[in-house]
Amino acid sequence: MKYKFQHGEMRIRKAEGDGGSGLPHNDIRIIRHNSGIPVIKALGLEDAYYGMGIMHAYDRMFQMWFVKVLSEGRAAEIFGDREDLINIDKYFRTLKFRSNGSSDKSRASDFTDNFSKLLNAYITGVEDFRKSGYVPFEFRVTGYKPEPWEQEDVFALSRIMAYVGLGKSGSCGKGYCRCYSSG
């Protein structure tokens, strides 16, 4: 496998004229601390975001694609036509974490060129890892083959994280939401 930690370190070589994505522009070094936290060492932000995409896919590939499938309301299609999964799909489609596509594409064109470069570098890192041939255990068990990771997936994942974060922030852990403090 191209992306592998050896002795707590992963080295990603500068892209050469191989007709690939063109990333990274320079060598990247990723060190995993004893606590498991990766530190990405890159000469530029675009390469750092590329490395972050690789690391997210390396550490959380199934989780990312599972959330993608949920946000699309396709759990029953992918994992079995069961009533509980159909209900989950209906719920997620009602929440509309995924746009119809056109609004995010127009929104993406409003981003600065720098942000677009960084977003695309991240997505390219995720995609390069997906294409590397590594297949996590969960994919082998479910038989699911991950589809390409795209901008809409990043937006949908961000919406879900915000939704979950909002739900958690209003909870005091006792089963009810505390909206104000009574001094």
N, C-alpha and C. Protein backbone atom coordinates (compact mmCIF):
# COMPACT_ATOMS: atom_id res chain seq x y z
N MET A 1 0.85 -1.19 0.00
CA MET A 1 0.00 0.00 0.00
C MET A 1 0.89 1.24 0.00
N LYS A 2 0.51 2.21 -0.79
CA LYS A 2 1.29 3.45 -0.93
C LYS A 2 1.33 4.24 0.38
N TYR A 3 0.21 4.32 1.08
CA TYR A 3 0.11 5.12 2.30
C TYR A 3 0.17 4.20 3.49
N LYS A 4 1.30 4.16 4.16
CA LYS A 4 1.47 3.25 5.28
C LYS A 4 2.39 3.88 6.31
N PHE A 5 2.03 3.72 7.57
CA PHE A 5 2.90 4.19 8.64
C PHE A 5 3.98 3.16 8.89
N GLN A 6 5.21 3.62 8.92
CA GLN A 6 6.33 2.78 9.30
C GLN A 6 7.08 3.50 10.40
N HIS A 7 7.17 2.84 11.55
CA HIS A 7 7.85 3.42 12.71
C HIS A 7 7.21 4.75 13.11
N GLY A 8 5.88 4.80 13.07
CA GLY A 8 5.15 6.00 13.50
C GLY A 8 5.20 7.15 12.52
N GLU A 9 5.60 6.88 11.28
CA GLU A 9 5.74 7.96 10.30
C GLU A 9 5.26 7.52 8.93
N MET A 10 4.64 8.45 8.21
CA MET A 10 4.24 8.22 6.83
C MET A 10 4.89 9.32 5.98
N ARG A 11 5.47 8.93 4.89
CA ARG A 11 6.05 9.90 3.96
C ARG A 11 5.28 9.82 2.64
N ILE A 12 4.85 10.98 2.18
CA ILE A 12 4.15 11.06 0.91
C ILE A 12 5.04 11.87 -0.02
N ARG A 13 5.44 11.25 -1.09
CA ARG A 13 6.39 11.87 -2.02
C ARG A 13 5.70 12.89 -2.93
N LYS A 14 6.45 13.89 -3.29
CA LYS A 14 6.03 14.91 -4.24
C LYS A 14 5.52 14.24 -5.51
N ALA A 15 4.41 14.75 -6.04
CA ALA A 15 3.85 14.20 -7.26
C ALA A 15 4.79 14.50 -8.42
N GLU A 16 5.06 13.51 -9.18
CA GLU A 16 5.87 13.68 -10.39
C GLU A 16 4.92 13.67 -11.58
N GLY A 17 5.40 13.89 -12.74
CA GLY A 17 4.56 13.97 -13.93
C GLY A 17 3.92 12.66 -14.31
N ASP A 18 3.16 12.08 -13.38
CA ASP A 18 2.55 10.77 -13.63
C ASP A 18 1.11 10.87 -14.14
N GLY A 19 0.67 12.09 -14.46
CA GLY A 19 -0.69 12.26 -14.94
C GLY A 19 -1.73 12.19 -13.84
N GLY A 20 -1.30 12.15 -12.59
CA GLY A 20 -2.22 12.08 -11.47
C GLY A 20 -2.77 13.45 -11.10
N SER A 21 -3.03 13.64 -9.84
CA SER A 21 -3.66 14.86 -9.35
C SER A 21 -2.71 16.05 -9.31
N GLY A 22 -1.41 15.80 -9.35
CA GLY A 22 -0.44 16.89 -9.24
C GLY A 22 -0.13 17.27 -7.79
N LEU A 23 -0.75 16.58 -6.86
CA LEU A 23 -0.51 16.83 -5.44
C LEU A 23 0.14 15.61 -4.82
N PRO A 24 0.96 15.81 -3.85
CA PRO A 24 1.41 17.08 -3.28
C PRO A 24 2.49 17.74 -4.15
N HIS A 25 2.63 19.04 -3.93
CA HIS A 25 3.65 19.81 -4.66
C HIS A 25 5.04 19.51 -4.12
N ASN A 26 5.11 19.19 -2.84
CA ASN A 26 6.37 18.86 -2.16
C ASN A 26 6.14 17.64 -1.27
N ASP A 27 7.22 17.05 -0.81
CA ASP A 27 7.10 15.90 0.10
C ASP A 27 6.33 16.30 1.35
N ILE A 28 5.55 15.37 1.87
CA ILE A 28 4.80 15.56 3.12
C ILE A 28 5.27 14.48 4.09
N ARG A 29 5.37 14.86 5.32
CA ARG A 29 5.73 13.92 6.38
C ARG A 29 4.63 13.97 7.44
N ILE A 30 4.10 12.80 7.79
CA ILE A 30 3.06 12.72 8.81
C ILE A 30 3.59 11.83 9.92
N ILE A 31 3.61 12.39 11.11
CA ILE A 31 4.11 11.66 12.28
C ILE A 31 2.93 11.40 13.20
N ARG A 32 2.83 10.17 13.65
CA ARG A 32 1.77 9.83 14.60
C ARG A 32 2.39 9.72 15.99
N HIS A 33 1.92 10.58 16.88
CA HIS A 33 2.41 10.56 18.26
C HIS A 33 1.96 9.29 18.97
N ASN A 34 2.55 9.02 20.11
CA ASN A 34 2.17 7.84 20.91
C ASN A 34 0.70 7.82 21.24
N SER A 35 0.10 9.01 21.36
CA SER A 35 -1.33 9.10 21.66
C SER A 35 -2.20 8.84 20.44
N GLY A 36 -1.57 8.68 19.26
CA GLY A 36 -2.30 8.38 18.03
C GLY A 36 -2.62 9.60 17.18
N ILE A 37 -2.30 10.78 17.66
CA ILE A 37 -2.63 12.00 16.93
C ILE A 37 -1.62 12.23 15.82
N PRO A 38 -2.10 12.39 14.57
CA PRO A 38 -1.17 12.65 13.48
C PRO A 38 -0.80 14.14 13.40
N VAL A 39 0.44 14.41 13.08
CA VAL A 39 0.92 15.77 12.84
C VAL A 39 1.43 15.80 11.41
N ILE A 40 0.85 16.71 10.62
CA ILE A 40 1.19 16.80 9.20
C ILE A 40 2.23 17.89 9.02
N LYS A 41 3.35 17.53 8.43
CA LYS A 41 4.43 18.49 8.16
C LYS A 41 4.52 18.67 6.66
N ALA A 42 4.16 19.88 6.21
CA ALA A 42 4.15 20.20 4.79
C ALA A 42 4.68 21.62 4.59
N LEU A 43 5.19 21.89 3.41
CA LEU A 43 5.74 23.22 3.12
C LEU A 43 4.68 24.25 2.78
N GLY A 44 3.50 23.82 2.41
CA GLY A 44 2.43 24.74 2.06
C GLY A 44 1.08 24.24 2.53
N LEU A 45 0.11 25.17 2.61
CA LEU A 45 -1.22 24.79 3.08
C LEU A 45 -1.91 23.80 2.15
N GLU A 46 -1.75 23.96 0.86
CA GLU A 46 -2.40 23.04 -0.07
C GLU A 46 -1.92 21.61 0.16
N ASP A 47 -0.61 21.44 0.35
CA ASP A 47 -0.08 20.11 0.65
C ASP A 47 -0.56 19.62 2.01
N ALA A 48 -0.67 20.53 2.99
CA ALA A 48 -1.15 20.14 4.32
C ALA A 48 -2.60 19.64 4.25
N TYR A 49 -3.44 20.33 3.49
CA TYR A 49 -4.83 19.90 3.33
C TYR A 49 -4.90 18.57 2.59
N TYR A 50 -4.05 18.39 1.61
CA TYR A 50 -3.97 17.11 0.91
C TYR A 50 -3.64 16.00 1.91
N GLY A 51 -2.63 16.25 2.76
CA GLY A 51 -2.26 15.28 3.79
C GLY A 51 -3.39 15.02 4.77
N MET A 52 -4.14 16.08 5.11
CA MET A 52 -5.27 15.90 6.02
C MET A 52 -6.34 15.01 5.37
N GLY A 53 -6.58 15.18 4.07
CA GLY A 53 -7.53 14.31 3.37
C GLY A 53 -7.09 12.86 3.41
N ILE A 54 -5.79 12.64 3.20
CA ILE A 54 -5.24 11.28 3.27
C ILE A 54 -5.46 10.71 4.67
N MET A 55 -5.15 11.50 5.70
CA MET A 55 -5.27 11.01 7.08
C MET A 55 -6.72 10.73 7.46
N HIS A 56 -7.63 11.63 7.06
CA HIS A 56 -9.04 11.37 7.37
C HIS A 56 -9.50 10.07 6.73
N ALA A 57 -9.13 9.86 5.48
CA ALA A 57 -9.51 8.61 4.81
C ALA A 57 -8.80 7.41 5.43
N TYR A 58 -7.55 7.58 5.81
CA TYR A 58 -6.77 6.50 6.41
C TYR A 58 -7.38 6.06 7.74
N ASP A 59 -7.74 7.04 8.57
CA ASP A 59 -8.25 6.73 9.91
C ASP A 59 -9.76 6.52 9.97
N ARG A 60 -10.51 7.13 9.06
CA ARG A 60 -11.96 7.15 9.20
C ARG A 60 -12.72 6.89 7.91
N MET A 61 -12.13 6.12 7.02
CA MET A 61 -12.73 5.92 5.72
C MET A 61 -14.17 5.40 5.80
N PHE A 62 -14.41 4.35 6.56
CA PHE A 62 -15.77 3.81 6.61
C PHE A 62 -16.73 4.80 7.25
N GLN A 63 -16.30 5.46 8.30
CA GLN A 63 -17.16 6.43 8.98
C GLN A 63 -17.56 7.55 8.00
N MET A 64 -16.60 8.04 7.22
CA MET A 64 -16.89 9.10 6.26
C MET A 64 -17.94 8.64 5.24
N TRP A 65 -17.75 7.46 4.68
CA TRP A 65 -18.68 6.99 3.66
C TRP A 65 -20.02 6.56 4.27
N PHE A 66 -20.01 6.11 5.50
CA PHE A 66 -21.27 5.78 6.15
C PHE A 66 -22.11 7.05 6.33
N VAL A 67 -21.47 8.13 6.77
CA VAL A 67 -22.18 9.39 6.92
C VAL A 67 -22.65 9.91 5.55
N LYS A 68 -21.84 9.70 4.52
CA LYS A 68 -22.23 10.07 3.16
C LYS A 68 -23.52 9.35 2.76
N VAL A 69 -23.54 8.03 2.99
CA VAL A 69 -24.72 7.23 2.64
C VAL A 69 -25.93 7.68 3.47
N LEU A 70 -25.73 7.95 4.75
CA LEU A 70 -26.83 8.44 5.58
C LEU A 70 -27.34 9.78 5.08
N SER A 71 -26.43 10.70 4.77
CA SER A 71 -26.85 12.03 4.33
C SER A 71 -27.61 11.97 3.01
N GLU A 72 -27.33 10.98 2.21
CA GLU A 72 -28.04 10.80 0.94
C GLU A 72 -29.37 10.07 1.13
N GLY A 73 -29.60 9.53 2.34
CA GLY A 73 -30.81 8.76 2.58
C GLY A 73 -30.80 7.45 1.81
N ARG A 74 -29.63 6.77 1.78
CA ARG A 74 -29.47 5.54 0.99
C ARG A 74 -29.05 4.34 1.82
N ALA A 75 -29.26 4.36 3.11
CA ALA A 75 -28.82 3.25 3.96
C ALA A 75 -29.51 1.94 3.58
N ALA A 76 -30.80 1.99 3.32
CA ALA A 76 -31.52 0.76 2.95
C ALA A 76 -31.05 0.23 1.60
N GLU A 77 -30.75 1.12 0.69
CA GLU A 77 -30.25 0.70 -0.63
C GLU A 77 -28.92 -0.01 -0.51
N ILE A 78 -28.04 0.49 0.35
CA ILE A 78 -26.69 -0.03 0.46
C ILE A 78 -26.62 -1.23 1.41
N PHE A 79 -27.30 -1.14 2.55
CA PHE A 79 -27.11 -2.14 3.61
C PHE A 79 -28.27 -3.10 3.79
N GLY A 80 -29.30 -2.99 2.99
CA GLY A 80 -30.39 -3.96 3.07
C GLY A 80 -31.73 -3.28 3.23
N ASP A 81 -32.68 -3.77 2.50
CA ASP A 81 -34.02 -3.19 2.46
C ASP A 81 -34.80 -3.60 3.72
N ARG A 82 -34.46 -2.94 4.82
CA ARG A 82 -35.12 -3.25 6.10
C ARG A 82 -35.92 -2.03 6.54
N GLU A 83 -36.96 -2.28 7.30
CA GLU A 83 -37.85 -1.19 7.72
C GLU A 83 -37.12 -0.14 8.55
N ASP A 84 -36.24 -0.56 9.47
CA ASP A 84 -35.53 0.41 10.29
C ASP A 84 -34.62 1.31 9.44
N LEU A 85 -33.97 0.74 8.43
CA LEU A 85 -33.12 1.54 7.57
C LEU A 85 -33.94 2.47 6.65
N ILE A 86 -35.09 2.00 6.23
CA ILE A 86 -35.97 2.84 5.42
C ILE A 86 -36.43 4.05 6.24
N ASN A 87 -36.76 3.82 7.51
CA ASN A 87 -37.16 4.92 8.39
C ASN A 87 -36.01 5.90 8.61
N ILE A 88 -34.80 5.39 8.76
CA ILE A 88 -33.62 6.26 8.90
C ILE A 88 -33.45 7.08 7.62
N ASP A 89 -33.59 6.45 6.47
CA ASP A 89 -33.47 7.17 5.20
C ASP A 89 -34.50 8.28 5.08
N LYS A 90 -35.74 7.98 5.45
CA LYS A 90 -36.79 9.00 5.40
C LYS A 90 -36.44 10.18 6.30
N TYR A 91 -35.95 9.87 7.49
CA TYR A 91 -35.58 10.92 8.45
C TYR A 91 -34.48 11.81 7.88
N PHE A 92 -33.42 11.19 7.35
CA PHE A 92 -32.31 11.98 6.82
C PHE A 92 -32.71 12.78 5.58
N ARG A 93 -33.57 12.21 4.76
CA ARG A 93 -34.03 12.97 3.59
C ARG A 93 -34.88 14.16 4.01
N THR A 94 -35.64 14.00 5.09
CA THR A 94 -36.45 15.10 5.60
C THR A 94 -35.56 16.24 6.11
N LEU A 95 -34.45 15.89 6.72
CA LEU A 95 -33.53 16.90 7.25
C LEU A 95 -32.78 17.66 6.16
N LYS A 96 -32.71 17.09 4.96
CA LYS A 96 -32.11 17.72 3.78
C LYS A 96 -30.67 18.18 4.04
N PHE A 97 -29.85 17.27 4.53
CA PHE A 97 -28.43 17.57 4.71
C PHE A 97 -27.73 17.73 3.37
N ARG A 98 -28.30 17.13 2.36
CA ARG A 98 -27.74 17.27 1.01
C ARG A 98 -28.64 18.22 0.23
N SER A 99 -28.00 19.12 -0.48
CA SER A 99 -28.77 20.04 -1.31
C SER A 99 -29.11 19.33 -2.61
N ASN A 100 -29.81 20.02 -3.47
CA ASN A 100 -30.08 19.45 -4.78
C ASN A 100 -28.85 19.54 -5.67
N GLY A 101 -27.75 20.04 -5.12
CA GLY A 101 -26.49 20.10 -5.86
C GLY A 101 -26.21 21.47 -6.42
N SER A 102 -27.22 22.11 -6.98
CA SER A 102 -26.97 23.39 -7.65
C SER A 102 -26.63 24.49 -6.66
N SER A 103 -27.26 24.49 -5.48
CA SER A 103 -26.98 25.56 -4.52
C SER A 103 -25.55 25.47 -3.99
N ASP A 104 -25.06 24.26 -3.74
CA ASP A 104 -23.69 24.13 -3.26
C ASP A 104 -22.68 24.44 -4.36
N LYS A 105 -23.00 24.09 -5.60
CA LYS A 105 -22.07 24.41 -6.69
C LYS A 105 -21.98 25.92 -6.86
N SER A 106 -23.11 26.62 -6.76
CA SER A 106 -23.04 28.08 -6.89
C SER A 106 -22.37 28.68 -5.66
N ARG A 107 -22.62 28.10 -4.49
CA ARG A 107 -21.98 28.58 -3.27
C ARG A 107 -20.47 28.36 -3.35
N ALA A 108 -20.05 27.23 -3.89
CA ALA A 108 -18.63 26.94 -4.01
C ALA A 108 -17.95 27.94 -4.92
N SER A 109 -18.65 28.43 -5.94
CA SER A 109 -18.04 29.42 -6.83
C SER A 109 -17.86 30.76 -6.14
N ASP A 110 -18.57 30.98 -5.02
CA ASP A 110 -18.41 32.22 -4.26
C ASP A 110 -17.20 32.20 -3.34
N PHE A 111 -16.60 31.05 -3.14
CA PHE A 111 -15.44 30.96 -2.26
C PHE A 111 -14.25 31.66 -2.90
N THR A 112 -13.34 32.06 -2.06
CA THR A 112 -12.10 32.62 -2.58
C THR A 112 -11.33 31.52 -3.30
N ASP A 113 -10.47 31.93 -4.20
CA ASP A 113 -9.66 30.95 -4.93
C ASP A 113 -8.83 30.13 -3.96
N ASN A 114 -8.32 30.77 -2.91
CA ASN A 114 -7.49 30.05 -1.93
C ASN A 114 -8.29 28.98 -1.21
N PHE A 115 -9.51 29.30 -0.77
CA PHE A 115 -10.34 28.32 -0.09
C PHE A 115 -10.67 27.16 -1.04
N SER A 116 -11.01 27.48 -2.27
CA SER A 116 -11.33 26.42 -3.25
C SER A 116 -10.13 25.50 -3.46
N LYS A 117 -8.94 26.07 -3.53
CA LYS A 117 -7.73 25.24 -3.69
C LYS A 117 -7.56 24.30 -2.51
N LEU A 118 -7.77 24.83 -1.29
CA LEU A 118 -7.59 24.01 -0.09
C LEU A 118 -8.66 22.93 -0.01
N LEU A 119 -9.90 23.28 -0.32
CA LEU A 119 -10.99 22.30 -0.31
C LEU A 119 -10.71 21.19 -1.33
N ASN A 120 -10.30 21.59 -2.52
CA ASN A 120 -10.01 20.60 -3.55
C ASN A 120 -8.79 19.76 -3.21
N ALA A 121 -7.80 20.35 -2.54
CA ALA A 121 -6.62 19.57 -2.11
C ALA A 121 -7.04 18.51 -1.09
N TYR A 122 -7.92 18.88 -0.15
CA TYR A 122 -8.42 17.93 0.84
C TYR A 122 -9.17 16.79 0.14
N ILE A 123 -10.09 17.13 -0.76
CA ILE A 123 -10.86 16.12 -1.47
C ILE A 123 -9.94 15.22 -2.29
N THR A 124 -8.92 15.80 -2.92
CA THR A 124 -7.96 15.02 -3.70
C THR A 124 -7.21 14.04 -2.81
N GLY A 125 -6.86 14.47 -1.60
CA GLY A 125 -6.20 13.56 -0.65
C GLY A 125 -7.10 12.39 -0.29
N VAL A 126 -8.36 12.67 0.00
CA VAL A 126 -9.32 11.61 0.32
C VAL A 126 -9.44 10.65 -0.87
N GLU A 127 -9.58 11.22 -2.06
CA GLU A 127 -9.76 10.40 -3.26
C GLU A 127 -8.51 9.59 -3.60
N ASP A 128 -7.34 10.20 -3.46
CA ASP A 128 -6.11 9.45 -3.74
C ASP A 128 -5.98 8.26 -2.80
N PHE A 129 -6.36 8.45 -1.54
CA PHE A 129 -6.31 7.33 -0.61
C PHE A 129 -7.34 6.27 -0.99
N ARG A 130 -8.55 6.71 -1.34
CA ARG A 130 -9.61 5.75 -1.73
C ARG A 130 -9.15 4.91 -2.92
N LYS A 131 -8.46 5.53 -3.85
CA LYS A 131 -8.01 4.84 -5.05
C LYS A 131 -6.76 3.99 -4.83
N SER A 132 -6.16 4.09 -3.64
CA SER A 132 -4.89 3.41 -3.37
C SER A 132 -5.02 1.89 -3.25
N GLY A 133 -6.26 1.41 -3.10
CA GLY A 133 -6.46 -0.03 -3.01
C GLY A 133 -6.68 -0.54 -1.59
N TYR A 134 -6.47 0.31 -0.59
CA TYR A 134 -6.72 -0.11 0.79
C TYR A 134 -8.22 -0.25 0.99
N VAL A 135 -8.63 -1.39 1.52
CA VAL A 135 -10.06 -1.62 1.76
C VAL A 135 -10.23 -1.96 3.24
N PRO A 136 -10.81 -1.02 4.02
CA PRO A 136 -11.02 -1.30 5.44
C PRO A 136 -11.93 -2.51 5.66
N PHE A 137 -11.76 -3.11 6.81
CA PHE A 137 -12.51 -4.30 7.22
C PHE A 137 -14.01 -4.11 7.03
N GLU A 138 -14.54 -2.95 7.43
CA GLU A 138 -15.99 -2.71 7.36
C GLU A 138 -16.51 -2.80 5.93
N PHE A 139 -15.71 -2.34 4.97
CA PHE A 139 -16.14 -2.44 3.57
C PHE A 139 -16.14 -3.89 3.10
N ARG A 140 -15.18 -4.65 3.57
CA ARG A 140 -15.13 -6.07 3.18
C ARG A 140 -16.33 -6.82 3.75
N VAL A 141 -16.72 -6.49 4.99
CA VAL A 141 -17.85 -7.16 5.64
C VAL A 141 -19.17 -6.79 4.96
N THR A 142 -19.35 -5.50 4.67
CA THR A 142 -20.63 -5.05 4.10
C THR A 142 -20.69 -5.23 2.58
N GLY A 143 -19.53 -5.36 1.94
CA GLY A 143 -19.50 -5.47 0.49
C GLY A 143 -19.67 -4.14 -0.23
N TYR A 144 -19.72 -3.07 0.54
CA TYR A 144 -19.91 -1.74 -0.05
C TYR A 144 -18.59 -1.24 -0.64
N LYS A 145 -18.65 -0.73 -1.86
CA LYS A 145 -17.48 -0.14 -2.50
C LYS A 145 -17.67 1.37 -2.50
N PRO A 146 -16.80 2.08 -1.81
CA PRO A 146 -17.00 3.53 -1.66
C PRO A 146 -16.95 4.27 -3.00
N GLU A 147 -17.91 5.15 -3.16
CA GLU A 147 -18.00 5.99 -4.34
C GLU A 147 -17.09 7.20 -4.15
N PRO A 148 -16.84 7.96 -5.21
CA PRO A 148 -15.95 9.13 -5.09
C PRO A 148 -16.43 10.11 -4.02
N TRP A 149 -15.46 10.73 -3.36
CA TRP A 149 -15.71 11.76 -2.36
C TRP A 149 -15.70 13.10 -3.07
N GLU A 150 -16.75 13.90 -2.89
CA GLU A 150 -16.92 15.13 -3.64
C GLU A 150 -17.21 16.31 -2.72
N GLN A 151 -17.24 17.50 -3.32
CA GLN A 151 -17.51 18.71 -2.53
C GLN A 151 -18.81 18.59 -1.76
N GLU A 152 -19.86 18.09 -2.38
CA GLU A 152 -21.16 17.98 -1.71
C GLU A 152 -21.06 17.10 -0.46
N ASP A 153 -20.17 16.12 -0.48
CA ASP A 153 -19.98 15.26 0.68
C ASP A 153 -19.38 16.04 1.85
N VAL A 154 -18.47 16.95 1.55
CA VAL A 154 -17.87 17.80 2.59
C VAL A 154 -18.94 18.70 3.19
N PHE A 155 -19.76 19.32 2.32
CA PHE A 155 -20.83 20.20 2.81
C PHE A 155 -21.85 19.42 3.65
N ALA A 156 -22.26 18.24 3.18
CA ALA A 156 -23.24 17.44 3.91
C ALA A 156 -22.68 17.00 5.26
N LEU A 157 -21.43 16.56 5.28
CA LEU A 157 -20.80 16.16 6.53
C LEU A 157 -20.73 17.33 7.50
N SER A 158 -20.43 18.51 6.99
CA SER A 158 -20.38 19.71 7.84
C SER A 158 -21.76 20.01 8.43
N ARG A 159 -22.80 19.86 7.62
CA ARG A 159 -24.16 20.10 8.13
C ARG A 159 -24.53 19.10 9.22
N ILE A 160 -24.17 17.84 9.02
CA ILE A 160 -24.48 16.82 10.02
C ILE A 160 -23.72 17.09 11.31
N MET A 161 -22.45 17.47 11.20
CA MET A 161 -21.67 17.77 12.40
C MET A 161 -22.26 18.97 13.14
N ALA A 162 -22.71 19.97 12.40
CA ALA A 162 -23.35 21.13 13.04
C ALA A 162 -24.65 20.72 13.72
N TYR A 163 -25.43 19.89 13.07
CA TYR A 163 -26.70 19.41 13.62
C TYR A 163 -26.47 18.64 14.92
N VAL A 164 -25.52 17.73 14.88
CA VAL A 164 -25.21 16.94 16.08
C VAL A 164 -24.64 17.86 17.17
N GLY A 165 -23.79 18.78 16.79
CA GLY A 165 -23.21 19.72 17.76
C GLY A 165 -24.26 20.59 18.41
N LEU A 166 -25.23 21.07 17.63
CA LEU A 166 -26.31 21.88 18.19
C LEU A 166 -27.15 21.06 19.16
N GLY A 167 -27.41 19.81 18.79
CA GLY A 167 -28.19 18.94 19.67
C GLY A 167 -27.48 18.67 20.98
N LYS A 168 -26.18 18.48 20.90
CA LYS A 168 -25.41 18.19 22.11
C LYS A 168 -25.23 19.44 22.96
N SER A 169 -25.11 20.60 22.34
CA SER A 169 -24.84 21.82 23.12
C SER A 169 -26.03 22.22 23.97
N GLY A 170 -27.22 21.83 23.57
CA GLY A 170 -28.41 22.18 24.34
C GLY A 170 -28.74 21.18 25.43
N SER A 171 -27.95 20.14 25.55
CA SER A 171 -28.25 19.09 26.51
C SER A 171 -27.38 19.22 27.74
N CYS A 172 -27.97 19.03 28.87
CA CYS A 172 -27.18 19.05 30.09
C CYS A 172 -26.89 17.62 30.58
N GLY A 173 -27.26 16.65 29.76
CA GLY A 173 -26.98 15.26 30.10
C GLY A 173 -28.05 14.61 30.96
N LYS A 174 -29.16 15.31 31.22
CA LYS A 174 -30.22 14.74 32.05
C LYS A 174 -31.48 14.47 31.24
N GLY A 175 -31.33 14.42 29.91
CA GLY A 175 -32.47 14.07 29.09
C GLY A 175 -33.36 15.24 28.71
N TYR A 176 -32.97 16.45 29.03
CA TYR A 176 -33.76 17.59 28.59
C TYR A 176 -32.83 18.72 28.20
N CYS A 177 -33.38 19.65 27.46
CA CYS A 177 -32.58 20.77 26.95
C CYS A 177 -32.70 21.95 27.90
N ARG A 178 -31.57 22.53 28.22
CA ARG A 178 -31.57 23.73 29.06
C ARG A 178 -31.35 24.92 28.15
N CYS A 179 -32.34 25.76 28.00
CA CYS A 179 -32.27 26.89 27.08
C CYS A 179 -31.82 28.18 27.76
N TYR A 180 -31.91 28.24 29.08
CA TYR A 180 -31.50 29.44 29.79
C TYR A 180 -31.10 29.06 31.20
N SER A 181 -30.45 29.97 31.84
CA SER A 181 -30.05 29.75 33.23
C SER A 181 -30.90 30.61 34.13
N SER A 182 -31.35 30.09 35.24
CA SER A 182 -32.20 30.86 36.14
C SER A 182 -31.39 31.43 37.30
N GLY A 183 -30.15 31.85 36.98
CA GLY A 183 -29.32 32.55 37.95
C GLY A 183 -28.93 31.70 39.06
